[in-house]
PDB file of N, CA and C in Angstrom:
ATOM      1  N   UNK A   1       0.818  -1.204   0.000  1.00  0.00           N
ATOM      2  CA  UNK A   1       0.000   0.000   0.000  1.00  0.00           C
ATOM      3  C   UNK A   1       0.858   1.263   0.000  1.00  0.00           C
ATOM      4  N   UNK A   2       2.011   1.222   0.636  1.00  0.00           N
ATOM      5  CA  UNK A   2       2.857   2.420   0.659  1.00  0.00           C
ATOM      6  C   UNK A   2       3.405   2.746  -0.737  1.00  0.00           C
ATOM      7  N   UNK A   3       3.666   1.722  -1.544  1.00  0.00           N
ATOM      8  CA  UNK A   3       4.126   1.977  -2.912  1.00  0.00           C
ATOM      9  C   UNK A   3       3.024   2.623  -3.742  1.00  0.00           C
ATOM     10  N   UNK A   4       1.779   2.179  -3.564  1.00  0.00           N
ATOM     11  CA  UNK A   4       0.657   2.791  -4.267  1.00  0.00           C
ATOM     12  C   UNK A   4       0.450   4.233  -3.813  1.00  0.00           C
ATOM     13  N   UNK A   5       0.654   4.479  -2.522  1.00  0.00           N
ATOM     14  CA  UNK A   5       0.560   5.844  -2.007  1.00  0.00           C
ATOM     15  C   UNK A   5       1.594   6.745  -2.685  1.00  0.00           C
ATOM     16  N   UNK A   6       2.828   6.288  -2.741  1.00  0.00           N
ATOM     17  CA  UNK A   6       3.886   7.089  -3.374  1.00  0.00           C
ATOM     18  C   UNK A   6       3.605   7.304  -4.866  1.00  0.00           C
ATOM     19  N   UNK A   7       3.124   6.270  -5.542  1.00  0.00           N
ATOM     20  CA  UNK A   7       2.777   6.390  -6.952  1.00  0.00           C
ATOM     21  C   UNK A   7       1.648   7.402  -7.136  1.00  0.00           C
ATOM     22  N   UNK A   8       0.625   7.314  -6.287  1.00  0.00           N
ATOM     23  CA  UNK A   8      -0.512   8.235  -6.375  1.00  0.00           C
ATOM     24  C   UNK A   8      -0.069   9.686  -6.202  1.00  0.00           C
ATOM     25  N   UNK A   9       0.779   9.946  -5.220  1.00  0.00           N
ATOM     26  CA  UNK A   9       1.261  11.300  -4.959  1.00  0.00           C
ATOM     27  C   UNK A   9       2.114  11.798  -6.128  1.00  0.00           C
ATOM     28  N   UNK A  10       3.029  10.966  -6.606  1.00  0.00           N
ATOM     29  CA  UNK A  10       3.900  11.371  -7.712  1.00  0.00           C
ATOM     30  C   UNK A  10       3.083  11.663  -8.970  1.00  0.00           C
ATOM     31  N   UNK A  11       2.152  10.779  -9.302  1.00  0.00           N
ATOM     32  CA  UNK A  11       1.299  11.002 -10.473  1.00  0.00           C
ATOM     33  C   UNK A  11       0.505  12.290 -10.322  1.00  0.00           C
ATOM     34  N   UNK A  12      -0.014  12.510  -9.130  1.00  0.00           N
ATOM     35  CA  UNK A  12      -0.804  13.716  -8.894  1.00  0.00           C
ATOM     36  C   UNK A  12      -0.015  14.982  -9.142  1.00  0.00           C
ATOM     37  N   UNK A  13       1.186  15.055  -8.594  1.00  0.00           N
ATOM     38  CA  UNK A  13       1.985  16.270  -8.773  1.00  0.00           C
ATOM     39  C   UNK A  13       2.442  16.446 -10.223  1.00  0.00           C
ATOM     40  N   UNK A  14       2.781  15.346 -10.896  1.00  0.00           N
ATOM     41  CA  UNK A  14       3.162  15.445 -12.306  1.00  0.00           C
ATOM     42  C   UNK A  14       1.979  15.948 -13.131  1.00  0.00           C
ATOM     43  N   UNK A  15       0.790  15.424 -12.863  1.00  0.00           N
ATOM     44  CA  UNK A  15      -0.391  15.843 -13.615  1.00  0.00           C
ATOM     45  C   UNK A  15      -0.769  17.295 -13.320  1.00  0.00           C
ATOM     46  N   UNK A  16      -0.598  17.738 -12.098  1.00  0.00           N
ATOM     47  CA  UNK A  16      -0.863  19.145 -11.780  1.00  0.00           C
ATOM     48  C   UNK A  16       0.052  20.038 -12.613  1.00  0.00           C
ATOM     49  N   UNK A  17       1.335  19.723 -12.635  1.00  0.00           N
ATOM     50  CA  UNK A  17       2.287  20.519 -13.412  1.00  0.00           C
ATOM     51  C   UNK A  17       2.017  20.456 -14.901  1.00  0.00           C
ATOM     52  N   UNK A  18       1.703  19.269 -15.391  1.00  0.00           N
ATOM     53  CA  UNK A  18       1.421  19.084 -16.813  1.00  0.00           C
ATOM     54  C   UNK A  18       0.151  19.835 -17.213  1.00  0.00           C
ATOM     55  N   UNK A  19      -0.850  19.759 -16.366  1.00  0.00           N
ATOM     56  CA  UNK A  19      -2.101  20.460 -16.637  1.00  0.00           C
ATOM     57  C   UNK A  19      -1.928  21.970 -16.618  1.00  0.00           C
ATOM     58  N   UNK A  20      -1.159  22.462 -15.658  1.00  0.00           N
ATOM     59  CA  UNK A  20      -0.902  23.909 -15.599  1.00  0.00           C
ATOM     60  C   UNK A  20      -0.185  24.385 -16.854  1.00  0.00           C
ATOM     61  N   UNK A  21       0.716  23.579 -17.368  1.00  0.00           N
ATOM     62  CA  UNK A  21       1.424  23.942 -18.599  1.00  0.00           C
ATOM     63  C   UNK A  21       0.450  24.052 -19.771  1.00  0.00           C
ATOM     64  N   UNK A  22      -0.528  23.149 -19.831  1.00  0.00           N
ATOM     65  CA  UNK A  22      -1.533  23.221 -20.895  1.00  0.00           C
ATOM     66  C   UNK A  22      -2.388  24.480 -20.758  1.00  0.00           C
ATOM     67  N   UNK A  23      -2.759  24.817 -19.537  1.00  0.00           N
ATOM     68  CA  UNK A  23      -3.564  26.020 -19.320  1.00  0.00           C
ATOM     69  C   UNK A  23      -2.774  27.259 -19.721  1.00  0.00           C
ATOM     70  N   UNK A  24      -1.501  27.295 -19.361  1.00  0.00           N
ATOM     71  CA  UNK A  24      -0.660  28.439 -19.730  1.00  0.00           C
ATOM     72  C   UNK A  24      -0.422  28.513 -21.238  1.00  0.00           C
ATOM     73  N   UNK A  25      -0.498  27.387 -21.924  1.00  0.00           N
ATOM     74  CA  UNK A  25      -0.295  27.377 -23.374  1.00  0.00           C
ATOM     75  C   UNK A  25      -1.387  28.152 -24.093  1.00  0.00           C
ATOM     76  N   UNK A  26      -2.499  28.350 -23.435  1.00  0.00           N
ATOM     77  CA  UNK A  26      -3.603  29.113 -24.028  1.00  0.00           C
ATOM     78  C   UNK A  26      -3.136  30.520 -24.414  1.00  0.00           C
ATOM     79  N   UNK A  27      -2.285  31.106 -23.578  1.00  0.00           N
ATOM     80  CA  UNK A  27      -1.764  32.443 -23.863  1.00  0.00           C
ATOM     81  C   UNK A  27      -0.888  32.458 -25.112  1.00  0.00           C
ATOM     82  N   UNK A  28      -0.364  31.301 -25.470  1.00  0.00           N
ATOM     83  CA  UNK A  28       0.535  31.200 -26.615  1.00  0.00           C
ATOM     84  C   UNK A  28      -0.168  30.597 -27.831  1.00  0.00           C
ATOM     85  N   UNK A  29      -1.472  30.763 -27.888  1.00  0.00           N
ATOM     86  CA  UNK A  29      -2.207  30.289 -29.057  1.00  0.00           C
ATOM     87  C   UNK A  29      -2.824  28.919 -28.908  1.00  0.00           C
ATOM     88  N   UNK A  30      -2.850  28.377 -27.699  1.00  0.00           N
ATOM     89  CA  UNK A  30      -3.473  27.078 -27.490  1.00  0.00           C
ATOM     90  C   UNK A  30      -4.979  27.156 -27.657  1.00  0.00           C
ATOM     91  N   UNK A  31      -5.603  26.039 -27.888  1.00  0.00           N
ATOM     92  CA  UNK A  31      -7.044  25.992 -28.113  1.00  0.00           C
ATOM     93  C   UNK A  31      -7.801  25.854 -26.800  1.00  0.00           C
ATOM     94  N   UNK A  32      -9.111  26.016 -26.874  1.00  0.00           N
ATOM     95  CA  UNK A  32      -9.960  25.823 -25.704  1.00  0.00           C
ATOM     96  C   UNK A  32      -9.878  24.365 -25.227  1.00  0.00           C
ATOM     97  N   UNK A  33      -9.711  23.441 -26.157  1.00  0.00           N
ATOM     98  CA  UNK A  33      -9.579  22.024 -25.782  1.00  0.00           C
ATOM     99  C   UNK A  33      -8.309  21.800 -24.976  1.00  0.00           C
ATOM    100  N   UNK A  34      -7.252  22.500 -25.336  1.00  0.00           N
ATOM    101  CA  UNK A  34      -6.001  22.390 -24.585  1.00  0.00           C
ATOM    102  C   UNK A  34      -6.207  22.852 -23.150  1.00  0.00           C
ATOM    103  N   UNK A  35      -6.929  23.953 -22.986  1.00  0.00           N
ATOM    104  CA  UNK A  35      -7.207  24.468 -21.650  1.00  0.00           C
ATOM    105  C   UNK A  35      -8.090  23.489 -20.878  1.00  0.00           C
ATOM    106  N   UNK A  36      -9.110  22.953 -21.526  1.00  0.00           N
ATOM    107  CA  UNK A  36     -10.008  22.001 -20.860  1.00  0.00           C
ATOM    108  C   UNK A  36      -9.247  20.758 -20.397  1.00  0.00           C
ATOM    109  N   UNK A  37      -8.382  20.230 -21.251  1.00  0.00           N
ATOM    110  CA  UNK A  37      -7.582  19.064 -20.864  1.00  0.00           C
ATOM    111  C   UNK A  37      -6.612  19.421 -19.754  1.00  0.00           C
ATOM    112  N   UNK A  38      -6.058  20.626 -19.809  1.00  0.00           N
ATOM    113  CA  UNK A  38      -5.169  21.082 -18.754  1.00  0.00           C
ATOM    114  C   UNK A  38      -5.879  21.172 -17.416  1.00  0.00           C
ATOM    115  N   UNK A  39      -7.089  21.692 -17.427  1.00  0.00           N
ATOM    116  CA  UNK A  39      -7.865  21.765 -16.182  1.00  0.00           C
ATOM    117  C   UNK A  39      -8.207  20.371 -15.667  1.00  0.00           C
ATOM    118  N   UNK A  40      -8.570  19.472 -16.587  1.00  0.00           N
ATOM    119  CA  UNK A  40      -8.851  18.083 -16.198  1.00  0.00           C
ATOM    120  C   UNK A  40      -7.633  17.457 -15.528  1.00  0.00           C
ATOM    121  N   UNK A  41      -6.471  17.643 -16.123  1.00  0.00           N
ATOM    122  CA  UNK A  41      -5.245  17.068 -15.559  1.00  0.00           C
ATOM    123  C   UNK A  41      -4.904  17.700 -14.215  1.00  0.00           C
ATOM    124  N   UNK A  42      -5.000  19.019 -14.120  1.00  0.00           N
ATOM    125  CA  UNK A  42      -4.640  19.700 -12.868  1.00  0.00           C
ATOM    126  C   UNK A  42      -5.609  19.330 -11.744  1.00  0.00           C
ATOM    127  N   UNK A  43      -6.906  19.369 -12.018  1.00  0.00           N
ATOM    128  CA  UNK A  43      -7.881  19.019 -10.987  1.00  0.00           C
ATOM    129  C   UNK A  43      -7.820  17.528 -10.653  1.00  0.00           C
ATOM    130  N   UNK A  44      -7.661  16.702 -11.674  1.00  0.00           N
ATOM    131  CA  UNK A  44      -7.519  15.264 -11.421  1.00  0.00           C
ATOM    132  C   UNK A  44      -6.264  14.957 -10.637  1.00  0.00           C
ATOM    133  N   UNK A  45      -5.180  15.645 -10.957  1.00  0.00           N
ATOM    134  CA  UNK A  45      -3.942  15.476 -10.198  1.00  0.00           C
ATOM    135  C   UNK A  45      -4.116  15.863  -8.743  1.00  0.00           C
ATOM    136  N   UNK A  46      -4.835  16.955  -8.499  1.00  0.00           N
ATOM    137  CA  UNK A  46      -5.097  17.385  -7.118  1.00  0.00           C
ATOM    138  C   UNK A  46      -5.929  16.335  -6.384  1.00  0.00           C
ATOM    139  N   UNK A  47      -6.914  15.750  -7.077  1.00  0.00           N
ATOM    140  CA  UNK A  47      -7.712  14.678  -6.458  1.00  0.00           C
ATOM    141  C   UNK A  47      -6.834  13.484  -6.097  1.00  0.00           C
ATOM    142  N   UNK A  48      -5.883  13.165  -6.952  1.00  0.00           N
ATOM    143  CA  UNK A  48      -4.981  12.056  -6.646  1.00  0.00           C
ATOM    144  C   UNK A  48      -4.111  12.373  -5.434  1.00  0.00           C
ATOM    145  N   UNK A  49      -3.603  13.591  -5.357  1.00  0.00           N
ATOM    146  CA  UNK A  49      -2.728  13.960  -4.232  1.00  0.00           C
ATOM    147  C   UNK A  49      -3.453  13.797  -2.906  1.00  0.00           C
ATOM    148  N   UNK A  50      -4.702  14.271  -2.841  1.00  0.00           N
ATOM    149  CA  UNK A  50      -5.440  14.177  -1.570  1.00  0.00           C
ATOM    150  C   UNK A  50      -6.191  12.856  -1.435  1.00  0.00           C
ATOM    151  N   UNK A  51      -6.231  12.079  -2.511  1.00  0.00           N
ATOM    152  CA  UNK A  51      -6.886  10.772  -2.457  1.00  0.00           C
ATOM    153  C   UNK A  51      -8.391  10.855  -2.451  1.00  0.00           C
ATOM    154  N   UNK A  52      -8.951  11.735  -3.266  1.00  0.00           N
ATOM    155  CA  UNK A  52     -10.402  11.892  -3.341  1.00  0.00           C
ATOM    156  C   UNK A  52     -10.913  11.311  -4.648  1.00  0.00           C
ATOM    157  N   UNK A  53     -11.833  10.337  -4.562  1.00  0.00           N
ATOM    158  CA  UNK A  53     -12.359   9.630  -5.735  1.00  0.00           C
ATOM    159  C   UNK A  53     -11.215   9.095  -6.600  1.00  0.00           C
ATOM    160  N   UNK A  54     -10.266   8.509  -5.941  1.00  0.00           N
ATOM    161  CA  UNK A  54      -9.003   8.126  -6.567  1.00  0.00           C
ATOM    162  C   UNK A  54      -9.180   7.231  -7.785  1.00  0.00           C
ATOM    163  N   UNK A  55      -9.911   6.149  -7.647  1.00  0.00           N
ATOM    164  CA  UNK A  55     -10.021   5.212  -8.767  1.00  0.00           C
ATOM    165  C   UNK A  55     -10.814   5.768  -9.951  1.00  0.00           C
ATOM    166  N   UNK A  56     -11.968   6.404  -9.753  1.00  0.00           N
ATOM    167  CA  UNK A  56     -12.654   6.978 -10.916  1.00  0.00           C
ATOM    168  C   UNK A  56     -11.833   8.071 -11.607  1.00  0.00           C
ATOM    169  N   UNK A  57     -11.165   8.901 -10.835  1.00  0.00           N
ATOM    170  CA  UNK A  57     -10.327   9.948 -11.414  1.00  0.00           C
ATOM    171  C   UNK A  57      -9.190   9.315 -12.216  1.00  0.00           C
ATOM    172  N   UNK A  58      -8.595   8.261 -11.681  1.00  0.00           N
ATOM    173  CA  UNK A  58      -7.506   7.584 -12.390  1.00  0.00           C
ATOM    174  C   UNK A  58      -8.001   6.987 -13.712  1.00  0.00           C
ATOM    175  N   UNK A  59      -9.215   6.461 -13.731  1.00  0.00           N
ATOM    176  CA  UNK A  59      -9.765   5.903 -14.969  1.00  0.00           C
ATOM    177  C   UNK A  59      -9.947   6.999 -16.021  1.00  0.00           C
ATOM    178  N   UNK A  60     -10.538   8.122 -15.617  1.00  0.00           N
ATOM    179  CA  UNK A  60     -10.767   9.227 -16.563  1.00  0.00           C
ATOM    180  C   UNK A  60      -9.441   9.734 -17.120  1.00  0.00           C
ATOM    181  N   UNK A  61      -8.463   9.931 -16.239  1.00  0.00           N
ATOM    182  CA  UNK A  61      -7.159  10.423 -16.689  1.00  0.00           C
ATOM    183  C   UNK A  61      -6.428   9.384 -17.538  1.00  0.00           C
ATOM    184  N   UNK A  62      -6.614   8.097 -17.240  1.00  0.00           N
ATOM    185  CA  UNK A  62      -5.988   7.048 -18.043  1.00  0.00           C
ATOM    186  C   UNK A  62      -6.549   7.057 -19.466  1.00  0.00           C
ATOM    187  N   UNK A  63      -7.840   7.282 -19.612  1.00  0.00           N
ATOM    188  CA  UNK A  63      -8.439   7.380 -20.948  1.00  0.00           C
ATOM    189  C   UNK A  63      -7.823   8.555 -21.696  1.00  0.00           C
ATOM    190  N   UNK A  64      -7.677   9.690 -21.012  1.00  0.00           N
ATOM    191  CA  UNK A  64      -7.048  10.845 -21.659  1.00  0.00           C
ATOM    192  C   UNK A  64      -5.623  10.515 -22.093  1.00  0.00           C
ATOM    193  N   UNK A  65      -4.864   9.829 -21.241  1.00  0.00           N
ATOM    194  CA  UNK A  65      -3.481   9.498 -21.582  1.00  0.00           C
ATOM    195  C   UNK A  65      -3.407   8.470 -22.709  1.00  0.00           C
ATOM    196  N   UNK A  66      -4.371   7.568 -22.773  1.00  0.00           N
ATOM    197  CA  UNK A  66      -4.412   6.610 -23.879  1.00  0.00           C
ATOM    198  C   UNK A  66      -4.619   7.346 -25.203  1.00  0.00           C
ATOM    199  N   UNK A  67      -5.520   8.311 -25.200  1.00  0.00           N
ATOM    200  CA  UNK A  67      -5.746   9.112 -26.403  1.00  0.00           C
ATOM    201  C   UNK A  67      -4.492   9.912 -26.747  1.00  0.00           C
ATOM    202  N   UNK A  68      -3.874  10.523 -25.744  1.00  0.00           N
ATOM    203  CA  UNK A  68      -2.650  11.297 -25.990  1.00  0.00           C
ATOM    204  C   UNK A  68      -1.547  10.404 -26.556  1.00  0.00           C
ATOM    205  N   UNK A  69      -1.413   9.207 -26.008  1.00  0.00           N
ATOM    206  CA  UNK A  69      -0.413   8.256 -26.508  1.00  0.00           C
ATOM    207  C   UNK A  69      -0.675   7.936 -27.972  1.00  0.00           C
ATOM    208  N   UNK A  70      -1.936   7.636 -28.317  1.00  0.00           N
ATOM    209  CA  UNK A  70      -2.291   7.333 -29.699  1.00  0.00           C
ATOM    210  C   UNK A  70      -2.037   8.505 -30.633  1.00  0.00           C
ATOM    211  N   UNK A  71      -2.337   9.710 -30.174  1.00  0.00           N
ATOM    212  CA  UNK A  71      -2.102  10.899 -31.001  1.00  0.00           C
ATOM    213  C   UNK A  71      -0.616  11.116 -31.247  1.00  0.00           C
ATOM    214  N   UNK A  72       0.198  10.890 -30.219  1.00  0.00           N
ATOM    215  CA  UNK A  72       1.646  11.034 -30.397  1.00  0.00           C
ATOM    216  C   UNK A  72       2.168  10.030 -31.417  1.00  0.00           C
ATOM    217  N   UNK A  73       1.715   8.788 -31.315  1.00  0.00           N
ATOM    218  CA  UNK A  73       2.164   7.768 -32.273  1.00  0.00           C
ATOM    219  C   UNK A  73       1.692   8.091 -33.682  1.00  0.00           C
ATOM    220  N   UNK A  74       0.456   8.535 -33.808  1.00  0.00           N
ATOM    221  CA  UNK A  74      -0.074   8.858 -35.133  1.00  0.00           C
ATOM    222  C   UNK A  74       0.663  10.048 -35.748  1.00  0.00           C
ATOM    223  N   UNK A  75       1.018  11.002 -34.922  1.00  0.00           N
ATOM    224  CA  UNK A  75       1.667  12.216 -35.415  1.00  0.00           C
ATOM    225  C   UNK A  75       3.116  11.956 -35.816  1.00  0.00           C
ATOM    226  N   UNK A  76       3.814  11.122 -35.061  1.00  0.00           N
ATOM    227  CA  UNK A  76       5.244  10.947 -35.284  1.00  0.00           C
ATOM    228  C   UNK A  76       5.596   9.652 -36.014  1.00  0.00           C
ATOM    229  N   UNK A  77       4.681   8.705 -36.082  1.00  0.00           N
ATOM    230  CA  UNK A  77       4.880   7.435 -36.794  1.00  0.00           C
ATOM    231  C   UNK A  77       6.134   6.691 -36.348  1.00  0.00           C
ATOM    232  N   UNK A  78       6.505   6.852 -35.112  1.00  0.00           N
ATOM    233  CA  UNK A  78       7.663   6.115 -34.604  1.00  0.00           C
ATOM    234  C   UNK A  78       7.525   5.964 -33.093  1.00  0.00           C
ATOM    235  N   UNK A  79       8.296   5.070 -32.551  1.00  0.00           N
ATOM    236  CA  UNK A  79       8.230   4.813 -31.118  1.00  0.00           C
ATOM    237  C   UNK A  79       9.312   5.555 -30.341  1.00  0.00           C
ATOM    238  N   UNK A  80       9.905   6.559 -30.938  1.00  0.00           N
ATOM    239  CA  UNK A  80      10.935   7.327 -30.236  1.00  0.00           C
ATOM    240  C   UNK A  80      10.529   8.789 -30.233  1.00  0.00           C
ATOM    241  N   UNK A  81      10.385   9.343 -29.059  1.00  0.00           N
ATOM    242  CA  UNK A  81      10.152  10.776 -28.928  1.00  0.00           C
ATOM    243  C   UNK A  81       8.691  11.180 -28.836  1.00  0.00           C
ATOM    244  N   UNK A  82       8.344  11.852 -27.740  1.00  0.00           N
ATOM    245  CA  UNK A  82       7.049  12.476 -27.607  1.00  0.00           C
ATOM    246  C   UNK A  82       5.987  11.679 -26.874  1.00  0.00           C
ATOM    247  N   UNK A  83       6.059  10.383 -26.890  1.00  0.00           N
ATOM    248  CA  UNK A  83       4.996   9.574 -26.312  1.00  0.00           C
ATOM    249  C   UNK A  83       5.307   9.094 -24.896  1.00  0.00           C
ATOM    250  N   UNK A  84       6.554   9.221 -24.468  1.00  0.00           N
ATOM    251  CA  UNK A  84       7.000   8.556 -23.238  1.00  0.00           C
ATOM    252  C   UNK A  84       6.207   8.990 -22.003  1.00  0.00           C
ATOM    253  N   UNK A  85       5.982  10.290 -21.849  1.00  0.00           N
ATOM    254  CA  UNK A  85       5.264  10.770 -20.668  1.00  0.00           C
ATOM    255  C   UNK A  85       3.839  10.241 -20.667  1.00  0.00           C
ATOM    256  N   UNK A  86       3.176  10.286 -21.806  1.00  0.00           N
ATOM    257  CA  UNK A  86       1.803   9.781 -21.884  1.00  0.00           C
ATOM    258  C   UNK A  86       1.740   8.300 -21.528  1.00  0.00           C
ATOM    259  N   UNK A  87       2.684   7.525 -22.027  1.00  0.00           N
ATOM    260  CA  UNK A  87       2.702   6.088 -21.750  1.00  0.00           C
ATOM    261  C   UNK A  87       2.975   5.814 -20.270  1.00  0.00           C
ATOM    262  N   UNK A  88       3.927   6.507 -19.710  1.00  0.00           N
ATOM    263  CA  UNK A  88       4.252   6.315 -18.299  1.00  0.00           C
ATOM    264  C   UNK A  88       3.077   6.704 -17.407  1.00  0.00           C
ATOM    265  N   UNK A  89       2.453   7.840 -17.695  1.00  0.00           N
ATOM    266  CA  UNK A  89       1.283   8.257 -16.922  1.00  0.00           C
ATOM    267  C   UNK A  89       0.141   7.258 -17.090  1.00  0.00           C
ATOM    268  N   UNK A  90      -0.063   6.759 -18.298  1.00  0.00           N
ATOM    269  CA  UNK A  90      -1.116   5.776 -18.557  1.00  0.00           C
ATOM    270  C   UNK A  90      -0.928   4.536 -17.687  1.00  0.00           C
ATOM    271  N   UNK A  91       0.267   3.996 -17.676  1.00  0.00           N
ATOM    272  CA  UNK A  91       0.522   2.777 -16.901  1.00  0.00           C
ATOM    273  C   UNK A  91       0.352   3.041 -15.404  1.00  0.00           C
ATOM    274  N   UNK A  92       0.862   4.157 -14.925  1.00  0.00           N
ATOM    275  CA  UNK A  92       0.705   4.500 -13.513  1.00  0.00           C
ATOM    276  C   UNK A  92      -0.752   4.694 -13.131  1.00  0.00           C
ATOM    277  N   UNK A  93      -1.497   5.388 -13.978  1.00  0.00           N
ATOM    278  CA  UNK A  93      -2.918   5.621 -13.696  1.00  0.00           C
ATOM    279  C   UNK A  93      -3.719   4.327 -13.734  1.00  0.00           C
ATOM    280  N   UNK A  94      -3.385   3.429 -14.655  1.00  0.00           N
ATOM    281  CA  UNK A  94      -4.066   2.132 -14.690  1.00  0.00           C
ATOM    282  C   UNK A  94      -3.775   1.325 -13.426  1.00  0.00           C
ATOM    283  N   UNK A  95      -2.562   1.449 -12.912  1.00  0.00           N
ATOM    284  CA  UNK A  95      -2.209   0.764 -11.669  1.00  0.00           C
ATOM    285  C   UNK A  95      -3.051   1.284 -10.510  1.00  0.00           C
ATOM    286  N   UNK A  96      -3.189   2.610 -10.422  1.00  0.00           N
ATOM    287  CA  UNK A  96      -4.004   3.195  -9.359  1.00  0.00           C
ATOM    288  C   UNK A  96      -5.474   2.859  -9.562  1.00  0.00           C
ATOM    289  N   UNK A  97      -5.950   2.888 -10.808  1.00  0.00           N
ATOM    290  CA  UNK A  97      -7.347   2.563 -11.091  1.00  0.00           C
ATOM    291  C   UNK A  97      -7.673   1.135 -10.689  1.00  0.00           C
ATOM    292  N   UNK A  98      -6.750   0.223 -10.919  1.00  0.00           N
ATOM    293  CA  UNK A  98      -6.995  -1.192 -10.622  1.00  0.00           C
ATOM    294  C   UNK A  98      -6.884  -1.508  -9.137  1.00  0.00           C
ATOM    295  N   UNK A  99      -5.973  -0.832  -8.448  1.00  0.00           N
ATOM    296  CA  UNK A  99      -5.681  -1.196  -7.064  1.00  0.00           C
ATOM    297  C   UNK A  99      -6.179  -0.199  -6.028  1.00  0.00           C
ATOM    298  N   UNK A 100      -6.435   1.024  -6.439  1.00  0.00           N
ATOM    299  CA  UNK A 100      -6.807   2.057  -5.477  1.00  0.00           C
ATOM    300  C   UNK A 100      -5.604   2.432  -4.627  1.00  0.00           C
ATOM    301  N   UNK A 101      -5.818   3.364  -3.737  1.00  0.00           N
ATOM    302  CA  UNK A 101      -4.775   3.778  -2.809  1.00  0.00           C
ATOM    303  C   UNK A 101      -5.444   4.556  -1.690  1.00  0.00           C
ATOM    304  N   UNK A 102      -5.683   3.897  -0.572  1.00  0.00           N
ATOM    305  CA  UNK A 102      -6.420   4.534   0.525  1.00  0.00           C
ATOM    306  C   UNK A 102      -5.527   5.054   1.642  1.00  0.00           C
ATOM    307  N   UNK A 103      -4.246   4.755   1.595  1.00  0.00           N
ATOM    308  CA  UNK A 103      -3.334   5.227   2.631  1.00  0.00           C
ATOM    309  C   UNK A 103      -3.236   6.748   2.562  1.00  0.00           C
ATOM    310  N   UNK A 104      -3.496   7.403   3.683  1.00  0.00           N
ATOM    311  CA  UNK A 104      -3.459   8.866   3.767  1.00  0.00           C
ATOM    312  C   UNK A 104      -4.321   9.512   2.686  1.00  0.00           C
ATOM    313  N   UNK A 105      -5.562   9.067   2.572  1.00  0.00           N
ATOM    314  CA  UNK A 105      -6.447   9.589   1.532  1.00  0.00           C
ATOM    315  C   UNK A 105      -7.807   9.954   2.116  1.00  0.00           C
ATOM    316  N   UNK A 106      -8.483  10.865   1.431  1.00  0.00           N
ATOM    317  CA  UNK A 106      -9.856  11.190   1.821  1.00  0.00           C
ATOM    318  C   UNK A 106     -10.737   9.968   1.632  1.00  0.00           C
ATOM    319  N   UNK A 107     -10.531   9.242   0.543  1.00  0.00           N
ATOM    320  CA  UNK A 107     -11.307   8.017   0.298  1.00  0.00           C
ATOM    321  C   UNK A 107     -11.217   7.059   1.480  1.00  0.00           C
ATOM    322  N   UNK A 108     -10.007   6.834   1.964  1.00  0.00           N
ATOM    323  CA  UNK A 108      -9.815   5.936   3.096  1.00  0.00           C
ATOM    324  C   UNK A 108     -10.419   6.471   4.372  1.00  0.00           C
ATOM    325  N   UNK A 109     -10.340   7.776   4.559  1.00  0.00           N
ATOM    326  CA  UNK A 109     -10.849   8.406   5.774  1.00  0.00           C
ATOM    327  C   UNK A 109     -12.360   8.315   5.865  1.00  0.00           C
ATOM    328  N   UNK A 110     -13.050   8.563   4.734  1.00  0.00           N
ATOM    329  CA  UNK A 110     -14.519   8.541   4.784  1.00  0.00           C
ATOM    330  C   UNK A 110     -15.096   7.203   4.316  1.00  0.00           C
ATOM    331  N   UNK A 111     -14.224   6.269   3.959  1.00  0.00           N
ATOM    332  CA  UNK A 111     -14.681   4.919   3.640  1.00  0.00           C
ATOM    333  C   UNK A 111     -15.198   4.712   2.225  1.00  0.00           C
ATOM    334  N   UNK A 112     -14.717   5.518   1.276  1.00  0.00           N
ATOM    335  CA  UNK A 112     -15.097   5.324  -0.124  1.00  0.00           C
ATOM    336  C   UNK A 112     -14.159   4.292  -0.724  1.00  0.00           C
ATOM    337  N   UNK A 113     -14.688   3.134  -1.005  1.00  0.00           N
ATOM    338  CA  UNK A 113     -13.900   2.060  -1.613  1.00  0.00           C
ATOM    339  C   UNK A 113     -14.607   1.590  -2.872  1.00  0.00           C
ATOM    340  N   UNK A 114     -13.881   1.452  -3.947  1.00  0.00           N
ATOM    341  CA  UNK A 114     -14.479   1.043  -5.217  1.00  0.00           C
ATOM    342  C   UNK A 114     -14.100  -0.377  -5.530  1.00  0.00           C
TER     343      UNK A 114
END
């Protein structure tokens, strides 16, 4: 359980930073979809950090990362460059979605178990 806790916290902070970068990209010509995905990542990352609705949030974010992974592969037509973060986040999020993480979490405190 402690490894899942550490994974949940690390994923959460990475997603918060990644999402904030997408939101800031709006100022540089990013689309409304970029901002929406950035907000999803930042808010979902915050939910992971505090452990609130951990498994459903991980599923939603994993779907987003699966799409991002596919888009990177389609755009670059190779397995080198650009896809690594999406793939790593996808695998980590699937791990949290499958196993949950209630250690030091709101879910564990109020008894939300999926």
